[in-house]
Amino acid sequence: PFLQSELYTIDNPAGNDFLGVAVGRVGDLDQDQVEDYFVASIKRIVVFSGATKIPLFNVKTNENLIFNSPDTVIALDDLNSDDVPDFAVGNYSWSNHRGRVQIYSGADGQVLDTITGNVSDALGYALETTVDHNHDGVRDFYVTLLKPLQGQSSAGQVQLRDGATLAVLDTFETTPQMNGAF
């Protein structure tokens, strides 16, 4: 039998912003050979060192972040040439469900770029890093949109995005499952 024990606890000094609604990996941002992780609330994302458990930085937002799963935050390659991997955060409920994906610097949490959806797209419901499809040396990523397609009430789209330029490389249309997965 395995014994379960607590390894460590992350306290929330804010107390009222639901820290812990999502957790996940963001890559080795502090380059100490140990993968770092995020812990999110509805108003911020705290990035922690995987080795020391000390916060590296906070990303604060002015809007509520709606996390369906840890798949809303993904690790990316280094997009701004500072030798630190970056990360993306999807917020499908932003601006009346237009949705957006923001790319953040892994060094300091500053916004590097933003992808926005159109009205009712719900862009950014889920994100996933993938291989380098276009062979430019940077891993690409998938972004889901839950927008209704012509003549369908519950359909969606998956965009394959270039990891370097954020351009759409390909689009797949399908009917999502109830949880938004395709």
C-alpha atoms as a PDB file:
ATOM      1  CA  PRO A   1       0.000   0.000   0.000  1.00  0.00           C
ATOM      2  CA  PHE A   2       1.098   3.530  -0.771  1.00  0.00           C
ATOM      3  CA  LEU A   3       1.070   6.119   1.947  1.00  0.00           C
ATOM      4  CA  GLN A   4      -0.126   9.526   0.892  1.00  0.00           C
ATOM      5  CA  SER A   5       1.426  12.556   2.460  1.00  0.00           C
ATOM      6  CA  GLU A   6       1.479  16.229   1.740  1.00  0.00           C
ATOM      7  CA  LEU A   7       4.728  17.378   0.130  1.00  0.00           C
ATOM      8  CA  TYR A   8       4.119  21.096   0.583  1.00  0.00           C
ATOM      9  CA  THR A   9       1.347  23.659   0.749  1.00  0.00           C
ATOM     10  CA  ILE A  10       0.936  26.902  -1.148  1.00  0.00           C
ATOM     11  CA  ASP A  11      -0.806  29.512   0.971  1.00  0.00           C
ATOM     12  CA  ASN A  12      -2.949  32.209  -0.600  1.00  0.00           C
ATOM     13  CA  PRO A  13      -2.401  35.563   1.107  1.00  0.00           C
ATOM     14  CA  ALA A  14      -5.179  37.132  -1.020  1.00  0.00           C
ATOM     15  CA  GLY A  15      -7.545  34.549   0.383  1.00  0.00           C
ATOM     16  CA  ASN A  16     -10.527  35.327  -1.807  1.00  0.00           C
ATOM     17  CA  ASP A  17      -9.451  34.830  -5.426  1.00  0.00           C
ATOM     18  CA  PHE A  18      -9.734  31.023  -5.621  1.00  0.00           C
ATOM     19  CA  LEU A  19      -6.009  30.314  -6.016  1.00  0.00           C
ATOM     20  CA  GLY A  20      -5.761  26.730  -7.178  1.00  0.00           C
ATOM     21  CA  VAL A  21      -8.595  26.645  -9.744  1.00  0.00           C
ATOM     22  CA  ALA A  22      -5.990  25.355 -12.204  1.00  0.00           C
ATOM     23  CA  VAL A  23      -2.428  24.076 -11.969  1.00  0.00           C
ATOM     24  CA  GLY A  24      -0.047  22.880 -14.632  1.00  0.00           C
ATOM     25  CA  ARG A  25       3.426  22.889 -16.143  1.00  0.00           C
ATOM     26  CA  VAL A  26       5.025  25.843 -17.915  1.00  0.00           C
ATOM     27  CA  GLY A  27       8.484  24.443 -18.722  1.00  0.00           C
ATOM     28  CA  ASP A  28      11.820  25.259 -17.102  1.00  0.00           C
ATOM     29  CA  LEU A  29      11.544  29.050 -16.969  1.00  0.00           C
ATOM     30  CA  ASP A  30      14.328  29.646 -14.447  1.00  0.00           C
ATOM     31  CA  GLN A  31      16.643  27.240 -16.301  1.00  0.00           C
ATOM     32  CA  ASP A  32      17.618  25.160 -13.272  1.00  0.00           C
ATOM     33  CA  GLN A  33      16.875  21.834 -15.031  1.00  0.00           C
ATOM     34  CA  VAL A  34      13.613  21.389 -13.065  1.00  0.00           C
ATOM     35  CA  GLU A  35      10.258  22.065 -14.725  1.00  0.00           C
ATOM     36  CA  ASP A  36       8.331  24.982 -13.246  1.00  0.00           C
ATOM     37  CA  TYR A  37       4.565  25.181 -12.766  1.00  0.00           C
ATOM     38  CA  PHE A  38       1.698  27.629 -12.453  1.00  0.00           C
ATOM     39  CA  VAL A  39      -1.099  27.892  -9.935  1.00  0.00           C
ATOM     40  CA  ALA A  40      -4.003  30.024 -11.134  1.00  0.00           C
ATOM     41  CA  SER A  41      -6.855  31.911  -9.559  1.00  0.00           C
ATOM     42  CA  ILE A  42      -9.684  33.760 -11.262  1.00  0.00           C
ATOM     43  CA  LYS A  43      -7.592  36.981 -11.351  1.00  0.00           C
ATOM     44  CA  ARG A  44      -3.950  35.879 -11.570  1.00  0.00           C
ATOM     45  CA  ILE A  45      -1.464  33.206 -12.447  1.00  0.00           C
ATOM     46  CA  VAL A  46       1.458  32.569 -10.104  1.00  0.00           C
ATOM     47  CA  VAL A  47       4.482  30.849 -11.653  1.00  0.00           C
ATOM     48  CA  PHE A  48       6.570  28.825  -9.199  1.00  0.00           C
ATOM     49  CA  SER A  49      10.051  27.361  -9.413  1.00  0.00           C
ATOM     50  CA  GLY A  50       9.747  23.584  -9.531  1.00  0.00           C
ATOM     51  CA  ALA A  51      12.986  23.239  -7.563  1.00  0.00           C
ATOM     52  CA  THR A  52      12.594  25.837  -4.806  1.00  0.00           C
ATOM     53  CA  LYS A  53       8.759  26.209  -4.759  1.00  0.00           C
ATOM     54  CA  ILE A  54       9.330  29.990  -4.582  1.00  0.00           C
ATOM     55  CA  PRO A  55       7.140  32.216  -6.787  1.00  0.00           C
ATOM     56  CA  LEU A  56       9.015  33.437  -9.864  1.00  0.00           C
ATOM     57  CA  PHE A  57       6.364  36.017 -10.789  1.00  0.00           C
ATOM     58  CA  ASN A  58       2.634  36.826 -10.816  1.00  0.00           C
ATOM     59  CA  VAL A  59       0.599  37.537 -13.928  1.00  0.00           C
ATOM     60  CA  LYS A  60      -2.359  39.689 -12.889  1.00  0.00           C
ATOM     61  CA  THR A  61      -5.371  40.248 -15.120  1.00  0.00           C
ATOM     62  CA  ASN A  62      -8.197  42.759 -15.104  1.00  0.00           C
ATOM     63  CA  GLU A  63     -10.740  40.193 -16.232  1.00  0.00           C
ATOM     64  CA  ASN A  64     -11.836  36.910 -14.728  1.00  0.00           C
ATOM     65  CA  LEU A  65      -9.958  33.909 -16.031  1.00  0.00           C
ATOM     66  CA  ILE A  66     -12.176  30.905 -16.631  1.00  0.00           C
ATOM     67  CA  PHE A  67     -10.194  27.671 -16.442  1.00  0.00           C
ATOM     68  CA  ASN A  68     -11.783  24.543 -17.827  1.00  0.00           C
ATOM     69  CA  SER A  69      -8.688  22.487 -17.182  1.00  0.00           C
ATOM     70  CA  PRO A  70      -4.929  22.933 -16.935  1.00  0.00           C
ATOM     71  CA  ASP A  71      -5.000  22.843 -20.764  1.00  0.00           C
ATOM     72  CA  THR A  72      -5.785  26.559 -20.684  1.00  0.00           C
ATOM     73  CA  VAL A  73      -2.090  27.334 -19.971  1.00  0.00           C
ATOM     74  CA  ILE A  74       0.680  25.747 -22.058  1.00  0.00           C
ATOM     75  CA  ALA A  75       4.450  25.897 -22.265  1.00  0.00           C
ATOM     76  CA  LEU A  76       5.891  27.277 -25.493  1.00  0.00           C
ATOM     77  CA  ASP A  77       9.363  27.572 -26.948  1.00  0.00           C
ATOM     78  CA  ASP A  78      11.338  30.809 -26.569  1.00  0.00           C
ATOM     79  CA  LEU A  79       9.438  33.239 -28.819  1.00  0.00           C
ATOM     80  CA  ASN A  80      11.238  36.486 -27.956  1.00  0.00           C
ATOM     81  CA  SER A  81      14.856  35.246 -28.229  1.00  0.00           C
ATOM     82  CA  ASP A  82      15.784  35.779 -24.571  1.00  0.00           C
ATOM     83  CA  ASP A  83      16.736  32.087 -24.072  1.00  0.00           C
ATOM     84  CA  VAL A  84      13.793  31.517 -21.700  1.00  0.00           C
ATOM     85  CA  PRO A  85      10.756  29.468 -22.783  1.00  0.00           C
ATOM     86  CA  ASP A  86       7.480  31.376 -22.885  1.00  0.00           C
ATOM     87  CA  PHE A  87       3.887  30.316 -22.186  1.00  0.00           C
ATOM     88  CA  ALA A  88       0.352  30.932 -23.443  1.00  0.00           C
ATOM     89  CA  VAL A  89      -2.917  31.462 -21.557  1.00  0.00           C
ATOM     90  CA  GLY A  90      -6.340  30.988 -23.153  1.00  0.00           C
ATOM     91  CA  ASN A  91      -9.398  32.843 -21.894  1.00  0.00           C
ATOM     92  CA  TYR A  92     -12.421  31.780 -23.951  1.00  0.00           C
ATOM     93  CA  SER A  93     -14.876  34.022 -22.059  1.00  0.00           C
ATOM     94  CA  TRP A  94     -12.986  37.268 -22.740  1.00  0.00           C
ATOM     95  CA  SER A  95     -15.051  40.072 -24.325  1.00  0.00           C
ATOM     96  CA  ASN A  96     -18.434  38.327 -24.607  1.00  0.00           C
ATOM     97  CA  HIS A  97     -16.891  35.008 -25.581  1.00  0.00           C
ATOM     98  CA  ARG A  98     -14.745  36.339 -28.405  1.00  0.00           C
ATOM     99  CA  GLY A  99     -11.921  34.708 -26.502  1.00  0.00           C
ATOM    100  CA  ARG A 100      -8.217  35.333 -26.630  1.00  0.00           C
ATOM    101  CA  VAL A 101      -4.862  33.697 -26.151  1.00  0.00           C
ATOM    102  CA  GLN A 102      -2.108  35.762 -24.619  1.00  0.00           C
ATOM    103  CA  ILE A 103       1.557  34.865 -24.994  1.00  0.00           C
ATOM    104  CA  TYR A 104       3.643  35.669 -21.919  1.00  0.00           C
ATOM    105  CA  SER A 105       7.373  36.004 -21.406  1.00  0.00           C
ATOM    106  CA  GLY A 106       8.701  33.164 -19.297  1.00  0.00           C
ATOM    107  CA  ALA A 107      11.335  35.540 -17.905  1.00  0.00           C
ATOM    108  CA  ASP A 108       9.041  38.130 -16.324  1.00  0.00           C
ATOM    109  CA  GLY A 109       5.392  37.424 -17.226  1.00  0.00           C
ATOM    110  CA  GLN A 110       5.017  40.399 -19.576  1.00  0.00           C
ATOM    111  CA  VAL A 111       2.523  40.025 -22.444  1.00  0.00           C
ATOM    112  CA  LEU A 112       4.422  39.384 -25.700  1.00  0.00           C
ATOM    113  CA  ASP A 113       1.491  38.961 -28.070  1.00  0.00           C
ATOM    114  CA  THR A 114      -2.262  38.384 -28.173  1.00  0.00           C
ATOM    115  CA  ILE A 115      -4.534  36.367 -30.467  1.00  0.00           C
ATOM    116  CA  THR A 116      -8.193  37.452 -30.330  1.00  0.00           C
ATOM    117  CA  GLY A 117     -11.272  35.707 -31.619  1.00  0.00           C
ATOM    118  CA  ASN A 118     -14.355  37.093 -33.298  1.00  0.00           C
ATOM    119  CA  VAL A 119     -17.758  37.486 -31.656  1.00  0.00           C
ATOM    120  CA  SER A 120     -18.874  34.163 -30.090  1.00  0.00           C
ATOM    121  CA  ASP A 121     -15.715  32.288 -31.186  1.00  0.00           C
ATOM    122  CA  ALA A 122     -14.792  31.335 -27.605  1.00  0.00           C
ATOM    123  CA  LEU A 123     -11.180  31.155 -28.794  1.00  0.00           C
ATOM    124  CA  GLY A 124      -8.790  29.671 -26.264  1.00  0.00           C
ATOM    125  CA  TYR A 125     -11.058  27.118 -24.599  1.00  0.00           C
ATOM    126  CA  ALA A 126      -8.180  24.648 -24.713  1.00  0.00           C
ATOM    127  CA  LEU A 127      -4.571  24.836 -25.889  1.00  0.00           C
ATOM    128  CA  GLU A 128      -1.997  22.152 -26.600  1.00  0.00           C
ATOM    129  CA  THR A 129       1.630  22.298 -27.669  1.00  0.00           C
ATOM    130  CA  THR A 130       2.580  20.020 -30.555  1.00  0.00           C
ATOM    131  CA  VAL A 131       5.585  19.279 -32.735  1.00  0.00           C
ATOM    132  CA  ASP A 132       7.157  21.707 -35.216  1.00  0.00           C
ATOM    133  CA  HIS A 133       4.819  21.074 -38.167  1.00  0.00           C
ATOM    134  CA  ASN A 134       6.306  23.665 -40.507  1.00  0.00           C
ATOM    135  CA  HIS A 135       9.954  22.873 -39.685  1.00  0.00           C
ATOM    136  CA  ASP A 136      10.955  26.407 -38.648  1.00  0.00           C
ATOM    137  CA  GLY A 137      12.639  25.244 -35.429  1.00  0.00           C
ATOM    138  CA  VAL A 138       9.785  26.287 -33.090  1.00  0.00           C
ATOM    139  CA  ARG A 139       7.094  23.934 -31.755  1.00  0.00           C
ATOM    140  CA  ASP A 140       3.575  24.826 -32.879  1.00  0.00           C
ATOM    141  CA  PHE A 141       0.350  24.682 -30.853  1.00  0.00           C
ATOM    142  CA  TYR A 142      -3.366  23.977 -31.159  1.00  0.00           C
ATOM    143  CA  VAL A 143      -6.118  26.407 -30.099  1.00  0.00           C
ATOM    144  CA  THR A 144      -9.788  25.435 -29.855  1.00  0.00           C
ATOM    145  CA  LEU A 145     -12.727  27.647 -30.756  1.00  0.00           C
ATOM    146  CA  LEU A 146     -16.244  26.681 -29.722  1.00  0.00           C
ATOM    147  CA  LYS A 147     -17.941  28.897 -32.275  1.00  0.00           C
ATOM    148  CA  PRO A 148     -21.033  27.567 -33.998  1.00  0.00           C
ATOM    149  CA  LEU A 149     -20.501  26.580 -37.609  1.00  0.00           C
ATOM    150  CA  GLN A 150     -22.973  27.319 -40.386  1.00  0.00           C
ATOM    151  CA  GLY A 151     -26.100  25.199 -39.841  1.00  0.00           C
ATOM    152  CA  GLN A 152     -24.827  23.567 -36.620  1.00  0.00           C
ATOM    153  CA  SER A 153     -25.632  24.527 -33.075  1.00  0.00           C
ATOM    154  CA  SER A 154     -22.741  22.786 -31.303  1.00  0.00           C
ATOM    155  CA  ALA A 155     -19.653  22.558 -33.418  1.00  0.00           C
ATOM    156  CA  GLY A 156     -16.193  23.913 -33.118  1.00  0.00           C
ATOM    157  CA  GLN A 157     -12.836  24.383 -34.631  1.00  0.00           C
ATOM    158  CA  VAL A 158      -9.235  23.559 -33.863  1.00  0.00           C
ATOM    159  CA  GLN A 159      -6.562  25.830 -35.256  1.00  0.00           C
ATOM    160  CA  LEU A 160      -2.976  24.714 -35.693  1.00  0.00           C
ATOM    161  CA  ARG A 161      -0.925  27.846 -34.965  1.00  0.00           C
ATOM    162  CA  ASP A 162       2.684  28.566 -35.929  1.00  0.00           C
ATOM    163  CA  GLY A 163       4.675  28.715 -32.693  1.00  0.00           C
ATOM    164  CA  ALA A 164       6.930  31.481 -34.024  1.00  0.00           C
ATOM    165  CA  THR A 165       4.512  33.806 -35.830  1.00  0.00           C
ATOM    166  CA  LEU A 166       1.157  32.699 -34.295  1.00  0.00           C
ATOM    167  CA  ALA A 167      -0.294  32.471 -37.822  1.00  0.00           C
ATOM    168  CA  VAL A 168      -2.933  29.809 -38.556  1.00  0.00           C
ATOM    169  CA  LEU A 169      -1.258  26.876 -40.329  1.00  0.00           C
ATOM    170  CA  ASP A 170      -4.352  24.683 -40.600  1.00  0.00           C
ATOM    171  CA  THR A 171      -7.948  24.494 -39.368  1.00  0.00           C
ATOM    172  CA  PHE A 172      -9.988  21.441 -38.403  1.00  0.00           C
ATOM    173  CA  GLU A 173     -13.743  21.617 -37.913  1.00  0.00           C
ATOM    174  CA  THR A 174     -15.578  19.108 -35.799  1.00  0.00           C
ATOM    175  CA  THR A 175     -18.273  18.624 -33.184  1.00  0.00           C
ATOM    176  CA  PRO A 176     -16.821  18.903 -29.681  1.00  0.00           C
ATOM    177  CA  GLN A 177     -17.703  16.722 -26.747  1.00  0.00           C
ATOM    178  CA  MET A 178     -19.645  18.273 -23.870  1.00  0.00           C
ATOM    179  CA  ASN A 179     -16.392  19.230 -22.086  1.00  0.00           C
ATOM    180  CA  GLY A 180     -15.025  21.083 -25.127  1.00  0.00           C
ATOM    181  CA  ALA A 181     -12.535  18.382 -26.096  1.00  0.00           C
ATOM    182  CA  PHE A 182     -12.334  17.391 -29.741  1.00  0.00           C
END
